[in-house]
Amino acid sequence: MLVFMTTSVFGIQVGEKMKNLPVKDSNDNPASIPGLGSKVLTVFYTDPDVKDQNDPFADMLKKENLDKSKYNGVGIANLKDTWKPNSVIRMVVRSKEAKYNSKIFTDPSYIVKDGWNLGDCDGQSVVIIVDKSGVVKYVKKGALNENERKEALALIKKLIGS
């Protein structure tokens, strides 16, 4: 049996229902997170200064070729905690969208960070797994180690029923 724990470093907790908050797409247009409340989601909320921190997990998910009718992976770039210009980050975001065949959004003003009680995300990547009803099933701030990646993948597969 898999047991996932959260940390008290931030407010979001396993069992909470996620709110779909306004974000911007990679072209700076208003958007919302697709599939939240209807698909199993993995959300990567990441400071662009550590944009590759959880790429090993994203690479693992890509290799699995999970059923897109039941699962979606999305990224959200935390624009406020970086010194890099937003235009440069959007260019990097578009290249990662192509690499992972996933949508990556931006949070230019802490709307997501504050709305989801993520706390200090400077220099961090937060991984959140949400079930199809929008309830948080896993949350981790920082790089997932190999064992955590395997456990998170097993949880996703269980949630989508594969």
C-alpha atoms as a PDB file:
ATOM      1  CA  MET A   1       0.000   0.000   0.000  1.00  0.00           C
ATOM      2  CA  LEU A   2       1.319   3.416  -0.978  1.00  0.00           C
ATOM      3  CA  VAL A   3       1.219   6.142   1.642  1.00  0.00           C
ATOM      4  CA  PHE A   4       2.000   9.700   0.621  1.00  0.00           C
ATOM      5  CA  MET A   5       2.771  12.391   3.107  1.00  0.00           C
ATOM      6  CA  THR A   6       2.949  16.114   2.772  1.00  0.00           C
ATOM      7  CA  THR A   7       5.201  18.534   4.497  1.00  0.00           C
ATOM      8  CA  SER A   8       4.140  21.426   6.701  1.00  0.00           C
ATOM      9  CA  VAL A   9       6.350  23.818   4.713  1.00  0.00           C
ATOM     10  CA  PHE A  10       3.266  24.991   2.839  1.00  0.00           C
ATOM     11  CA  GLY A  11      -0.479  24.895   3.257  1.00  0.00           C
ATOM     12  CA  ILE A  12      -1.710  22.647   0.462  1.00  0.00           C
ATOM     13  CA  GLN A  13      -2.538  19.187   1.814  1.00  0.00           C
ATOM     14  CA  VAL A  14      -3.482  15.767   0.514  1.00  0.00           C
ATOM     15  CA  GLY A  15      -7.281  15.566   0.545  1.00  0.00           C
ATOM     16  CA  GLU A  16      -7.894  19.214  -0.407  1.00  0.00           C
ATOM     17  CA  LYS A  17      -9.925  20.054  -3.482  1.00  0.00           C
ATOM     18  CA  MET A  18      -7.940  22.197  -5.931  1.00  0.00           C
ATOM     19  CA  LYS A  19      -9.318  25.441  -7.326  1.00  0.00           C
ATOM     20  CA  ASN A  20      -8.807  26.157 -11.019  1.00  0.00           C
ATOM     21  CA  LEU A  21      -7.102  29.515 -10.873  1.00  0.00           C
ATOM     22  CA  PRO A  22      -6.415  31.915 -13.745  1.00  0.00           C
ATOM     23  CA  VAL A  23      -3.051  31.432 -15.425  1.00  0.00           C
ATOM     24  CA  LYS A  24      -1.445  32.650 -18.650  1.00  0.00           C
ATOM     25  CA  ASP A  25      -0.510  30.437 -21.580  1.00  0.00           C
ATOM     26  CA  SER A  26       2.936  30.440 -23.198  1.00  0.00           C
ATOM     27  CA  ASN A  27       1.885  33.399 -25.360  1.00  0.00           C
ATOM     28  CA  ASP A  28       0.728  35.408 -22.301  1.00  0.00           C
ATOM     29  CA  ASN A  29      -2.986  34.906 -23.016  1.00  0.00           C
ATOM     30  CA  PRO A  30      -5.468  34.209 -20.189  1.00  0.00           C
ATOM     31  CA  ALA A  31      -6.044  30.492 -19.618  1.00  0.00           C
ATOM     32  CA  SER A  32      -7.157  27.915 -17.090  1.00  0.00           C
ATOM     33  CA  ILE A  33      -5.753  24.490 -16.270  1.00  0.00           C
ATOM     34  CA  PRO A  34      -7.283  21.913 -18.625  1.00  0.00           C
ATOM     35  CA  GLY A  35      -8.644  18.750 -17.070  1.00  0.00           C
ATOM     36  CA  LEU A  36      -8.693  19.952 -13.465  1.00  0.00           C
ATOM     37  CA  GLY A  37     -11.751  18.250 -12.000  1.00  0.00           C
ATOM     38  CA  SER A  38     -12.196  15.808 -14.892  1.00  0.00           C
ATOM     39  CA  LYS A  39      -8.824  14.059 -15.390  1.00  0.00           C
ATOM     40  CA  VAL A  40      -5.978  12.839 -13.227  1.00  0.00           C
ATOM     41  CA  LEU A  41      -3.362  15.601 -13.333  1.00  0.00           C
ATOM     42  CA  THR A  42       0.262  16.037 -12.488  1.00  0.00           C
ATOM     43  CA  VAL A  43       1.016  19.718 -11.977  1.00  0.00           C
ATOM     44  CA  PHE A  44       4.604  20.956 -11.925  1.00  0.00           C
ATOM     45  CA  TYR A  45       4.724  24.452 -10.353  1.00  0.00           C
ATOM     46  CA  THR A  46       8.292  25.547 -10.963  1.00  0.00           C
ATOM     47  CA  ASP A  47      10.617  28.491 -10.488  1.00  0.00           C
ATOM     48  CA  PRO A  48      12.240  28.922 -13.945  1.00  0.00           C
ATOM     49  CA  ASP A  49      15.641  29.205 -12.234  1.00  0.00           C
ATOM     50  CA  VAL A  50      15.341  25.440 -11.534  1.00  0.00           C
ATOM     51  CA  LYS A  51      13.333  24.580 -14.644  1.00  0.00           C
ATOM     52  CA  ASP A  52      14.879  21.102 -14.931  1.00  0.00           C
ATOM     53  CA  GLN A  53      14.585  20.099 -11.256  1.00  0.00           C
ATOM     54  CA  ASN A  54      11.862  17.500 -11.867  1.00  0.00           C
ATOM     55  CA  ASP A  55      12.592  16.686 -15.519  1.00  0.00           C
ATOM     56  CA  PRO A  56      13.540  13.092 -14.579  1.00  0.00           C
ATOM     57  CA  PHE A  57       9.945  12.594 -13.370  1.00  0.00           C
ATOM     58  CA  ALA A  58       8.490  14.385 -16.416  1.00  0.00           C
ATOM     59  CA  ASP A  59      10.670  12.176 -18.661  1.00  0.00           C
ATOM     60  CA  MET A  60       9.395   9.079 -16.842  1.00  0.00           C
ATOM     61  CA  LEU A  61       5.783  10.174 -17.360  1.00  0.00           C
ATOM     62  CA  LYS A  62       6.392  10.875 -21.053  1.00  0.00           C
ATOM     63  CA  LYS A  63       7.805   7.359 -21.580  1.00  0.00           C
ATOM     64  CA  GLU A  64       4.670   5.846 -20.039  1.00  0.00           C
ATOM     65  CA  ASN A  65       2.470   7.283 -22.804  1.00  0.00           C
ATOM     66  CA  LEU A  66      -0.482   7.542 -20.408  1.00  0.00           C
ATOM     67  CA  ASP A  67      -4.041   7.690 -21.764  1.00  0.00           C
ATOM     68  CA  LYS A  68      -4.664  11.382 -22.567  1.00  0.00           C
ATOM     69  CA  SER A  69      -8.422  10.890 -22.215  1.00  0.00           C
ATOM     70  CA  LYS A  70      -7.862  10.161 -18.495  1.00  0.00           C
ATOM     71  CA  TYR A  71      -4.582  11.898 -17.685  1.00  0.00           C
ATOM     72  CA  ASN A  72      -2.915  15.247 -18.258  1.00  0.00           C
ATOM     73  CA  GLY A  73       0.424  16.663 -17.203  1.00  0.00           C
ATOM     74  CA  VAL A  74       0.784  20.433 -16.963  1.00  0.00           C
ATOM     75  CA  GLY A  75       3.454  22.839 -15.902  1.00  0.00           C
ATOM     76  CA  ILE A  76       3.146  26.281 -14.393  1.00  0.00           C
ATOM     77  CA  ALA A  77       6.162  28.583 -14.471  1.00  0.00           C
ATOM     78  CA  ASN A  78       6.420  30.843 -11.434  1.00  0.00           C
ATOM     79  CA  LEU A  79       7.481  34.081 -13.169  1.00  0.00           C
ATOM     80  CA  LYS A  80       7.646  36.209 -10.053  1.00  0.00           C
ATOM     81  CA  ASP A  81      10.540  34.345  -8.371  1.00  0.00           C
ATOM     82  CA  THR A  82      13.037  34.650 -11.207  1.00  0.00           C
ATOM     83  CA  TRP A  83      15.324  37.377 -12.449  1.00  0.00           C
ATOM     84  CA  LYS A  84      14.940  36.166 -16.046  1.00  0.00           C
ATOM     85  CA  PRO A  85      12.803  38.248 -18.414  1.00  0.00           C
ATOM     86  CA  ASN A  86       9.301  36.879 -18.984  1.00  0.00           C
ATOM     87  CA  SER A  87       9.849  36.837 -22.770  1.00  0.00           C
ATOM     88  CA  VAL A  88      12.836  34.493 -22.346  1.00  0.00           C
ATOM     89  CA  ILE A  89      10.880  32.233 -20.002  1.00  0.00           C
ATOM     90  CA  ARG A  90       7.963  32.026 -22.436  1.00  0.00           C
ATOM     91  CA  MET A  91      10.404  30.927 -25.149  1.00  0.00           C
ATOM     92  CA  VAL A  92      11.752  28.174 -22.858  1.00  0.00           C
ATOM     93  CA  VAL A  93       8.165  27.226 -21.935  1.00  0.00           C
ATOM     94  CA  ARG A  94       7.244  26.773 -25.610  1.00  0.00           C
ATOM     95  CA  SER A  95      10.254  24.485 -26.152  1.00  0.00           C
ATOM     96  CA  LYS A  96       9.293  22.360 -23.123  1.00  0.00           C
ATOM     97  CA  GLU A  97       5.687  22.186 -24.367  1.00  0.00           C
ATOM     98  CA  ALA A  98       7.010  20.683 -27.598  1.00  0.00           C
ATOM     99  CA  LYS A  99       9.365  18.283 -25.768  1.00  0.00           C
ATOM    100  CA  TYR A 100       6.706  16.928 -23.396  1.00  0.00           C
ATOM    101  CA  ASN A 101       3.618  17.410 -25.582  1.00  0.00           C
ATOM    102  CA  SER A 102       2.003  19.137 -22.601  1.00  0.00           C
ATOM    103  CA  LYS A 103       0.690  22.577 -21.797  1.00  0.00           C
ATOM    104  CA  ILE A 104       2.833  24.815 -19.662  1.00  0.00           C
ATOM    105  CA  PHE A 105       1.314  27.942 -18.208  1.00  0.00           C
ATOM    106  CA  THR A 106       2.705  30.903 -16.317  1.00  0.00           C
ATOM    107  CA  ASP A 107       1.873  32.493 -12.989  1.00  0.00           C
ATOM    108  CA  PRO A 108       3.068  36.091 -13.377  1.00  0.00           C
ATOM    109  CA  SER A 109       1.779  37.422 -10.049  1.00  0.00           C
ATOM    110  CA  TYR A 110       1.562  34.613  -7.437  1.00  0.00           C
ATOM    111  CA  ILE A 111      -2.121  33.926  -8.153  1.00  0.00           C
ATOM    112  CA  VAL A 112      -1.495  30.156  -8.169  1.00  0.00           C
ATOM    113  CA  LYS A 113       1.173  30.186  -5.452  1.00  0.00           C
ATOM    114  CA  ASP A 114      -1.093  32.112  -3.085  1.00  0.00           C
ATOM    115  CA  GLY A 115      -4.361  30.471  -4.184  1.00  0.00           C
ATOM    116  CA  TRP A 116      -2.966  26.995  -3.536  1.00  0.00           C
ATOM    117  CA  ASN A 117      -1.001  28.013  -0.407  1.00  0.00           C
ATOM    118  CA  LEU A 118       2.307  26.844  -1.842  1.00  0.00           C
ATOM    119  CA  GLY A 119       4.416  29.065   0.391  1.00  0.00           C
ATOM    120  CA  ASP A 120       7.952  30.015  -0.600  1.00  0.00           C
ATOM    121  CA  CYS A 121       8.631  28.522  -4.027  1.00  0.00           C
ATOM    122  CA  ASP A 122      11.779  30.464  -4.854  1.00  0.00           C
ATOM    123  CA  GLY A 123      14.286  27.970  -6.250  1.00  0.00           C
ATOM    124  CA  GLN A 124      11.767  25.108  -6.061  1.00  0.00           C
ATOM    125  CA  SER A 125       9.633  22.839  -8.180  1.00  0.00           C
ATOM    126  CA  VAL A 126       6.426  21.602  -6.583  1.00  0.00           C
ATOM    127  CA  VAL A 127       4.833  18.391  -7.877  1.00  0.00           C
ATOM    128  CA  ILE A 128       1.113  17.955  -7.226  1.00  0.00           C
ATOM    129  CA  ILE A 129      -0.928  14.909  -8.272  1.00  0.00           C
ATOM    130  CA  VAL A 130      -4.673  15.471  -8.390  1.00  0.00           C
ATOM    131  CA  ASP A 131      -7.391  12.863  -8.948  1.00  0.00           C
ATOM    132  CA  LYS A 132     -10.142  13.241 -11.563  1.00  0.00           C
ATOM    133  CA  SER A 133     -12.420  15.002  -9.083  1.00  0.00           C
ATOM    134  CA  GLY A 134      -9.759  17.641  -8.359  1.00  0.00           C
ATOM    135  CA  VAL A 135      -8.635  16.318  -4.972  1.00  0.00           C
ATOM    136  CA  VAL A 136      -4.915  16.442  -4.109  1.00  0.00           C
ATOM    137  CA  LYS A 137      -3.463  12.954  -3.719  1.00  0.00           C
ATOM    138  CA  TYR A 138       0.250  13.807  -3.575  1.00  0.00           C
ATOM    139  CA  VAL A 139       2.341  16.927  -3.098  1.00  0.00           C
ATOM    140  CA  LYS A 140       6.107  17.384  -2.847  1.00  0.00           C
ATOM    141  CA  LYS A 141       8.255  20.493  -2.910  1.00  0.00           C
ATOM    142  CA  GLY A 142      11.713  19.951  -4.402  1.00  0.00           C
ATOM    143  CA  ALA A 143      13.262  17.277  -6.581  1.00  0.00           C
ATOM    144  CA  LEU A 144      11.686  13.837  -6.420  1.00  0.00           C
ATOM    145  CA  ASN A 145      14.239  11.095  -5.834  1.00  0.00           C
ATOM    146  CA  GLU A 146      14.101   7.831  -7.794  1.00  0.00           C
ATOM    147  CA  ASN A 147      11.918   6.044  -5.237  1.00  0.00           C
ATOM    148  CA  GLU A 148       9.502   9.001  -5.006  1.00  0.00           C
ATOM    149  CA  ARG A 149       9.222   9.093  -8.818  1.00  0.00           C
ATOM    150  CA  LYS A 150       8.342   5.374  -8.915  1.00  0.00           C
ATOM    151  CA  GLU A 151       5.764   5.753  -6.120  1.00  0.00           C
ATOM    152  CA  ALA A 152       4.211   8.824  -7.762  1.00  0.00           C
ATOM    153  CA  LEU A 153       3.978   7.010 -11.113  1.00  0.00           C
ATOM    154  CA  ALA A 154       2.324   4.016  -9.403  1.00  0.00           C
ATOM    155  CA  LEU A 155      -0.186   6.378  -7.792  1.00  0.00           C
ATOM    156  CA  ILE A 156      -0.996   8.014 -11.147  1.00  0.00           C
ATOM    157  CA  LYS A 157      -1.512   4.621 -12.791  1.00  0.00           C
ATOM    158  CA  LYS A 158      -3.774   3.561  -9.925  1.00  0.00           C
ATOM    159  CA  LEU A 159      -5.815   6.782 -10.204  1.00  0.00           C
ATOM    160  CA  ILE A 160      -6.328   6.432 -13.963  1.00  0.00           C
ATOM    161  CA  GLY A 161      -7.039   2.716 -13.632  1.00  0.00           C
ATOM    162  CA  SER A 162      -4.205   1.335 -15.757  1.00  0.00           C
END
